[in-house]
């Protein structure tokens, strides 16, 4: 009853149709899947490389800023600070030393009046680091800066030492790497797509040869066999399987022919006898018992 109900259900359920991608050739599907995976790997690798390069350079800058602060600790603790701290260059660090009130005790030339580096909360145990954008130093209002800060006890109370340097070199290198990857990844992806396309096509050539050979099989001559590669891979296994199938079809066809020949031989004698009896009966109807003839023929 359930089968009948399912068979008479309306509207009939349409067979699930494969997606557009699954209806494409195997070569195209493998190429698209492999190329997509490679492209994702390239993009992730590029971002990781840029991030690691930037992090490494920032760590090196932090080390330089820490050394810059360490060189000023003794003078700050003894209260022997001069109004101006010699500048060692924008890339190697500028300095401001502030009192707890925010007064600038010492600084590199040009930063004596206003505290501009106090964007980081100093700690007494270890230097604190922070990247800051928009720090207006020497007219570079839009530049990125890396600031290090440390709290030091002195004769006049807590003293805050700030050291900073621009991240212009880091940003420039990161930008150049980004441009390089943006231009290079599509080209590399195209080369990879072509390489995968031709590699998959080359791998599928034995399958194409097998298909061509199987198309040439004549149903009347099933002794044909496809060539078996000596590679021992899946293609060779497929060729062996096809040859086994052809051998079984040939054996079945031979059995069918033998059966037809045997049946023809076995049926020839009784049919000839029945025909002869009917011909005699027709030739001599006056001496024929048709009931007997019919019974013999039926038997």
Protein backbone atom coordinates (compact mmCIF):
# COMPACT_ATOMS: atom_id res chain seq x y z
CA UNK A 1 0.00 0.00 0.00
CA UNK A 2 2.82 2.39 0.82
CA UNK A 3 4.49 1.61 -2.51
CA UNK A 4 1.24 2.27 -4.36
CA UNK A 5 0.72 5.53 -2.47
CA UNK A 6 4.27 6.63 -3.25
CA UNK A 7 3.85 5.70 -6.91
CA UNK A 8 0.60 7.68 -7.23
CA UNK A 9 1.84 10.71 -5.28
CA UNK A 10 1.55 14.02 -7.13
CA UNK A 11 3.47 15.96 -8.17
CA UNK A 12 6.23 13.43 -8.82
CA UNK A 13 9.55 14.12 -7.13
CA UNK A 14 12.15 15.27 -9.62
CA UNK A 15 15.49 13.49 -9.56
CA UNK A 16 18.18 15.48 -7.82
CA UNK A 17 20.19 17.22 -10.51
CA UNK A 18 23.92 17.63 -10.01
CA UNK A 19 25.16 21.16 -9.50
CA UNK A 20 26.69 23.17 -12.32
CA UNK A 21 30.17 22.55 -10.98
CA UNK A 22 29.69 18.78 -10.75
CA UNK A 23 28.52 18.70 -14.37
CA UNK A 24 31.83 20.13 -15.58
CA UNK A 25 34.74 17.98 -16.71
CA UNK A 26 36.98 16.32 -14.16
CA UNK A 27 39.94 18.27 -15.51
CA UNK A 28 38.19 21.59 -14.91
CA UNK A 29 36.99 20.63 -11.44
CA UNK A 30 40.41 19.45 -10.30
CA UNK A 31 42.04 22.58 -11.74
CA UNK A 32 39.57 24.91 -10.03
CA UNK A 33 39.82 23.14 -6.67
CA UNK A 34 43.62 22.92 -6.68
CA UNK A 35 44.05 26.49 -7.91
CA UNK A 36 41.65 27.84 -5.29
CA UNK A 37 43.52 26.02 -2.52
CA UNK A 38 46.88 27.28 -3.82
CA UNK A 39 45.58 30.84 -4.13
CA UNK A 40 44.26 30.81 -0.56
CA UNK A 41 47.61 29.45 0.64
CA UNK A 42 49.47 32.19 -1.25
CA UNK A 43 47.29 34.96 0.18
CA UNK A 44 47.58 33.62 3.73
CA UNK A 45 51.33 33.20 3.28
CA UNK A 46 51.67 36.77 2.00
CA UNK A 47 49.76 38.22 4.95
CA UNK A 48 51.76 36.07 7.36
CA UNK A 49 55.06 37.14 5.82
CA UNK A 50 54.17 40.83 5.96
CA UNK A 51 52.98 40.46 9.55
CA UNK A 52 56.11 38.57 10.63
CA UNK A 53 58.38 41.06 8.88
CA UNK A 54 56.63 44.00 10.53
CA UNK A 55 56.66 42.34 13.94
CA UNK A 56 60.36 41.57 13.64
CA UNK A 57 61.21 45.15 12.71
CA UNK A 58 59.07 46.56 15.54
CA UNK A 59 60.84 44.26 18.01
CA UNK A 60 64.17 45.59 16.79
CA UNK A 61 62.90 49.16 17.22
CA UNK A 62 61.70 48.34 20.75
CA UNK A 63 65.17 47.03 21.54
CA UNK A 64 66.74 50.28 20.33
CA UNK A 65 64.27 52.38 22.34
CA UNK A 66 64.95 50.33 25.46
CA UNK A 67 68.69 50.85 25.03
CA UNK A 68 68.02 54.56 24.59
CA UNK A 69 66.07 54.69 27.86
CA UNK A 70 68.64 52.60 29.75
CA UNK A 71 71.30 55.13 28.82
CA UNK A 72 69.31 57.89 30.56
CA UNK A 73 68.29 56.04 33.73
CA UNK A 74 71.41 56.87 35.78
CA UNK A 75 71.28 60.58 34.93
CA UNK A 76 67.56 60.73 35.74
CA UNK A 77 68.00 58.98 39.09
CA UNK A 78 70.85 61.30 40.12
CA UNK A 79 69.01 64.40 38.94
CA UNK A 80 71.84 65.33 36.60
CA UNK A 81 69.69 65.96 33.57
CA UNK A 82 70.53 68.66 31.09
CA UNK A 83 67.78 70.62 29.42
CA UNK A 84 68.60 69.09 26.06
CA UNK A 85 69.28 65.45 25.38
CA UNK A 86 71.45 64.96 22.28
CA UNK A 87 69.38 63.71 19.38
CA UNK A 88 70.62 60.57 17.69
CA UNK A 89 68.31 60.82 14.67
CA UNK A 90 64.60 60.34 14.07
CA UNK A 91 65.05 56.67 13.30
CA UNK A 92 67.08 56.00 16.45
CA UNK A 93 64.84 57.83 18.87
CA UNK A 94 63.78 61.16 20.34
CA UNK A 95 63.42 61.63 24.08
CA UNK A 96 61.33 63.50 26.61
CA UNK A 97 61.86 63.21 30.36
CA UNK A 98 58.90 64.44 32.41
CA UNK A 99 58.31 65.11 36.06
CA UNK A 100 55.23 63.74 37.78
CA UNK A 101 53.58 67.14 37.25
CA UNK A 102 53.99 66.86 33.48
CA UNK A 103 56.81 69.37 33.28
CA UNK A 104 59.42 68.66 30.63
CA UNK A 105 62.73 68.21 32.50
CA UNK A 106 64.81 67.29 29.49
CA UNK A 107 64.22 66.45 25.85
CA UNK A 108 65.76 66.33 22.44
CA UNK A 109 65.98 69.76 20.76
CA UNK A 110 62.62 71.06 19.62
CA UNK A 111 60.55 69.22 22.24
CA UNK A 112 61.33 71.34 25.34
CA UNK A 113 58.03 73.15 25.71
CA UNK A 114 55.18 70.68 25.42
CA UNK A 115 54.95 67.03 26.50
CA UNK A 116 54.00 65.18 23.31
CA UNK A 117 55.33 61.69 24.03
CA UNK A 118 53.21 60.98 27.10
CA UNK A 119 50.86 58.70 25.16
CA UNK A 120 52.00 55.63 27.10
CA UNK A 121 51.50 54.94 30.80
CA UNK A 122 54.98 54.33 32.29
CA UNK A 123 55.60 51.49 34.73
CA UNK A 124 58.47 51.19 37.18
CA UNK A 125 59.21 47.52 36.58
CA UNK A 126 59.62 47.38 32.79
CA UNK A 127 59.40 49.55 29.74
CA UNK A 128 55.99 49.92 28.12
CA UNK A 129 55.63 50.13 24.33
CA UNK A 130 52.86 51.46 22.12
CA UNK A 131 52.37 52.43 18.49
CA UNK A 132 50.73 55.85 18.03
CA UNK A 133 49.38 57.53 14.89
CA UNK A 134 49.01 61.27 14.50
CA UNK A 135 51.80 62.26 16.87
CA UNK A 136 52.67 65.85 15.92
CA UNK A 137 56.44 65.78 16.12
CA UNK A 138 58.60 67.83 13.76
CA UNK A 139 55.56 68.51 11.59
CA UNK A 140 54.80 64.84 10.90
CA UNK A 141 51.21 64.88 12.04
CA UNK A 142 50.21 61.78 10.11
CA UNK A 143 53.22 59.57 10.77
CA UNK A 144 53.23 56.42 12.86
CA UNK A 145 55.45 56.44 15.92
CA UNK A 146 56.62 53.80 18.36
CA UNK A 147 56.86 55.05 21.93
CA UNK A 148 58.56 53.42 24.91
CA UNK A 149 58.07 54.64 28.48
CA UNK A 150 59.64 53.84 31.87
CA UNK A 151 59.13 55.23 35.36
CA UNK A 152 62.30 55.95 37.36
CA UNK A 153 62.62 57.12 40.98
CA UNK A 154 64.85 60.16 41.45
CA UNK A 155 65.69 62.79 44.07
CA UNK A 156 62.72 64.89 42.97
CA UNK A 157 60.29 61.98 42.88
CA UNK A 158 59.06 59.81 40.03
CA UNK A 159 60.50 60.69 36.65
CA UNK A 160 59.05 59.44 33.40
CA UNK A 161 61.38 58.72 30.49
CA UNK A 162 59.82 58.57 27.04
CA UNK A 163 61.66 57.53 23.88
CA UNK A 164 60.09 57.39 20.43
CA UNK A 165 60.96 56.75 16.83
CA UNK A 166 59.01 56.79 13.60
CA UNK A 167 57.67 53.66 11.97
CA UNK A 168 58.08 55.19 8.53
CA UNK A 169 60.66 52.64 7.45
CA UNK A 170 58.49 49.78 8.67
CA UNK A 171 55.40 51.19 6.95
CA UNK A 172 57.32 51.78 3.73
CA UNK A 173 58.67 48.24 3.61
CA UNK A 174 55.27 46.77 4.46
CA UNK A 175 53.69 48.85 1.70
CA UNK A 176 56.28 47.72 -0.84
CA UNK A 177 55.73 44.08 0.12
CA UNK A 178 51.96 44.54 -0.17
CA UNK A 179 52.32 46.04 -3.65
CA UNK A 180 54.71 43.27 -4.65
CA UNK A 181 52.34 40.53 -3.46
CA UNK A 182 49.31 42.27 -4.97
CA UNK A 183 51.00 42.28 -8.36
CA UNK A 184 52.79 38.96 -8.03
CA UNK A 185 50.13 36.70 -6.56
CA UNK A 186 47.72 36.96 -9.56
CA UNK A 187 50.59 36.22 -11.96
CA UNK A 188 51.79 33.33 -9.84
CA UNK A 189 48.21 32.08 -9.51
CA UNK A 190 47.85 32.15 -13.32
CA UNK A 191 51.04 30.14 -13.71
CA UNK A 192 49.81 27.65 -11.12
CA UNK A 193 46.45 27.33 -12.88
CA UNK A 194 48.17 26.61 -16.19
CA UNK A 195 50.52 24.13 -14.52
CA UNK A 196 47.63 22.30 -12.84
CA UNK A 197 45.57 22.34 -16.05
CA UNK A 198 48.31 20.74 -18.14
CA UNK A 199 49.34 18.36 -15.36
CA UNK A 200 45.79 17.07 -14.91
CA UNK A 201 45.38 16.80 -18.68
CA UNK A 202 48.59 14.82 -18.92
CA UNK A 203 47.45 12.56 -16.07
CA UNK A 204 44.12 11.92 -17.81
CA UNK A 205 45.66 11.06 -21.20
CA UNK A 206 45.72 7.29 -20.39
CA UNK A 207 42.00 7.51 -19.59
CA UNK A 208 41.37 9.16 -22.95
CA UNK A 209 43.30 6.36 -24.69
CA UNK A 210 41.28 3.74 -22.84
CA UNK A 211 38.04 5.49 -23.82
CA UNK A 212 39.10 5.57 -27.47
CA UNK A 213 40.05 1.89 -27.44
CA UNK A 214 36.81 0.83 -25.74
CA UNK A 215 34.80 2.80 -28.33
CA UNK A 216 36.45 0.66 -31.02
CA UNK A 217 35.24 -2.64 -29.53
CA UNK A 218 33.12 -4.62 -32.05
CA UNK A 219 30.31 -6.65 -30.41
CA UNK A 220 30.95 -9.41 -32.95
CA UNK A 221 34.65 -9.61 -32.09
CA UNK A 222 35.03 -9.47 -28.34
CA UNK A 223 38.56 -10.85 -28.40
CA UNK A 224 39.84 -7.23 -28.46
CA UNK A 225 41.78 -6.06 -25.38
CA UNK A 226 42.81 -2.55 -24.28
CA UNK A 227 46.46 -1.79 -23.63
CA UNK A 228 47.47 -2.06 -19.97
CA UNK A 229 50.04 0.50 -18.74
CA UNK A 230 52.98 -0.82 -16.78
CA UNK A 231 52.74 1.93 -14.18
CA UNK A 232 50.79 -0.13 -11.66
CA UNK A 233 48.59 2.83 -10.73
CA UNK A 234 44.82 3.34 -10.79
CA UNK A 235 44.81 3.70 -14.59
CA UNK A 236 46.52 0.34 -14.97
CA UNK A 237 43.99 -1.19 -12.57
CA UNK A 238 41.16 0.31 -14.66
CA UNK A 239 42.62 -1.19 -17.85
CA UNK A 240 42.95 -4.61 -16.18
CA UNK A 241 39.34 -4.39 -15.01
CA UNK A 242 38.16 -3.49 -18.53
CA UNK A 243 40.05 -6.41 -20.03
CA UNK A 244 38.49 -8.72 -17.46
CA UNK A 245 35.05 -7.40 -18.38
CA UNK A 246 35.75 -7.96 -22.10
CA UNK A 247 36.94 -11.49 -21.35
CA UNK A 248 33.73 -12.27 -19.45
CA UNK A 249 31.60 -10.79 -22.25
CA UNK A 250 33.48 -12.89 -24.81
CA UNK A 251 32.95 -16.04 -22.73
CA UNK A 252 29.24 -15.26 -22.38
CA UNK A 253 28.94 -14.65 -26.11
CA UNK A 254 30.68 -18.00 -26.85
CA UNK A 255 28.31 -19.82 -24.48
CA UNK A 256 25.36 -18.16 -26.22
CA UNK A 257 26.60 -19.31 -29.64
CA UNK A 258 27.21 -22.86 -28.43
CA UNK A 259 23.75 -22.97 -26.91
CA UNK A 260 22.18 -21.80 -30.16
CA UNK A 261 24.12 -24.39 -32.15
CA UNK A 262 23.24 -27.20 -29.72
CA UNK A 263 19.57 -26.17 -29.65
CA UNK A 264 19.45 -26.06 -33.44
CA UNK A 265 21.00 -29.52 -33.66
CA UNK A 266 18.67 -31.00 -31.05
CA UNK A 267 15.55 -29.50 -32.67
CA UNK A 268 16.42 -30.46 -36.25
CA UNK A 269 15.53 -34.21 -35.99
CA UNK A 270 12.10 -33.98 -34.24
CA UNK A 271 11.03 -31.10 -36.47
CA UNK A 272 12.04 -33.06 -39.59
CA UNK A 273 10.07 -36.10 -38.34
CA UNK A 274 6.98 -34.00 -37.64
CA UNK A 275 7.24 -32.34 -41.04
CA UNK A 276 7.56 -35.73 -42.78
CA UNK A 277 4.50 -37.10 -40.99
CA UNK A 278 2.44 -34.06 -41.97
CA UNK A 279 3.58 -34.27 -45.59
CA UNK A 280 2.58 -37.97 -45.78
CA UNK A 281 -0.79 -37.24 -44.21
CA UNK A 282 -1.46 -34.43 -46.67
CA UNK A 283 -0.38 -36.62 -49.60
CA UNK A 284 -2.71 -39.50 -48.55
CA UNK A 285 -5.68 -37.93 -46.80
CA UNK A 286 -7.93 -40.91 -47.42
CA UNK A 287 -5.64 -43.20 -45.41
CA UNK A 288 -4.83 -40.69 -42.65
CA UNK A 289 -6.21 -40.70 -39.13
CA UNK A 290 -6.00 -36.99 -38.42
CA UNK A 291 -6.57 -37.36 -34.71
CA UNK A 292 -3.57 -39.67 -34.48
CA UNK A 293 -1.44 -37.37 -36.66
CA UNK A 294 -2.39 -34.35 -34.51
CA UNK A 295 -1.60 -36.26 -31.32
CA UNK A 296 1.79 -37.37 -32.62
CA UNK A 297 2.68 -33.87 -33.84
CA UNK A 298 1.59 -32.29 -30.52
CA UNK A 299 3.64 -34.81 -28.60
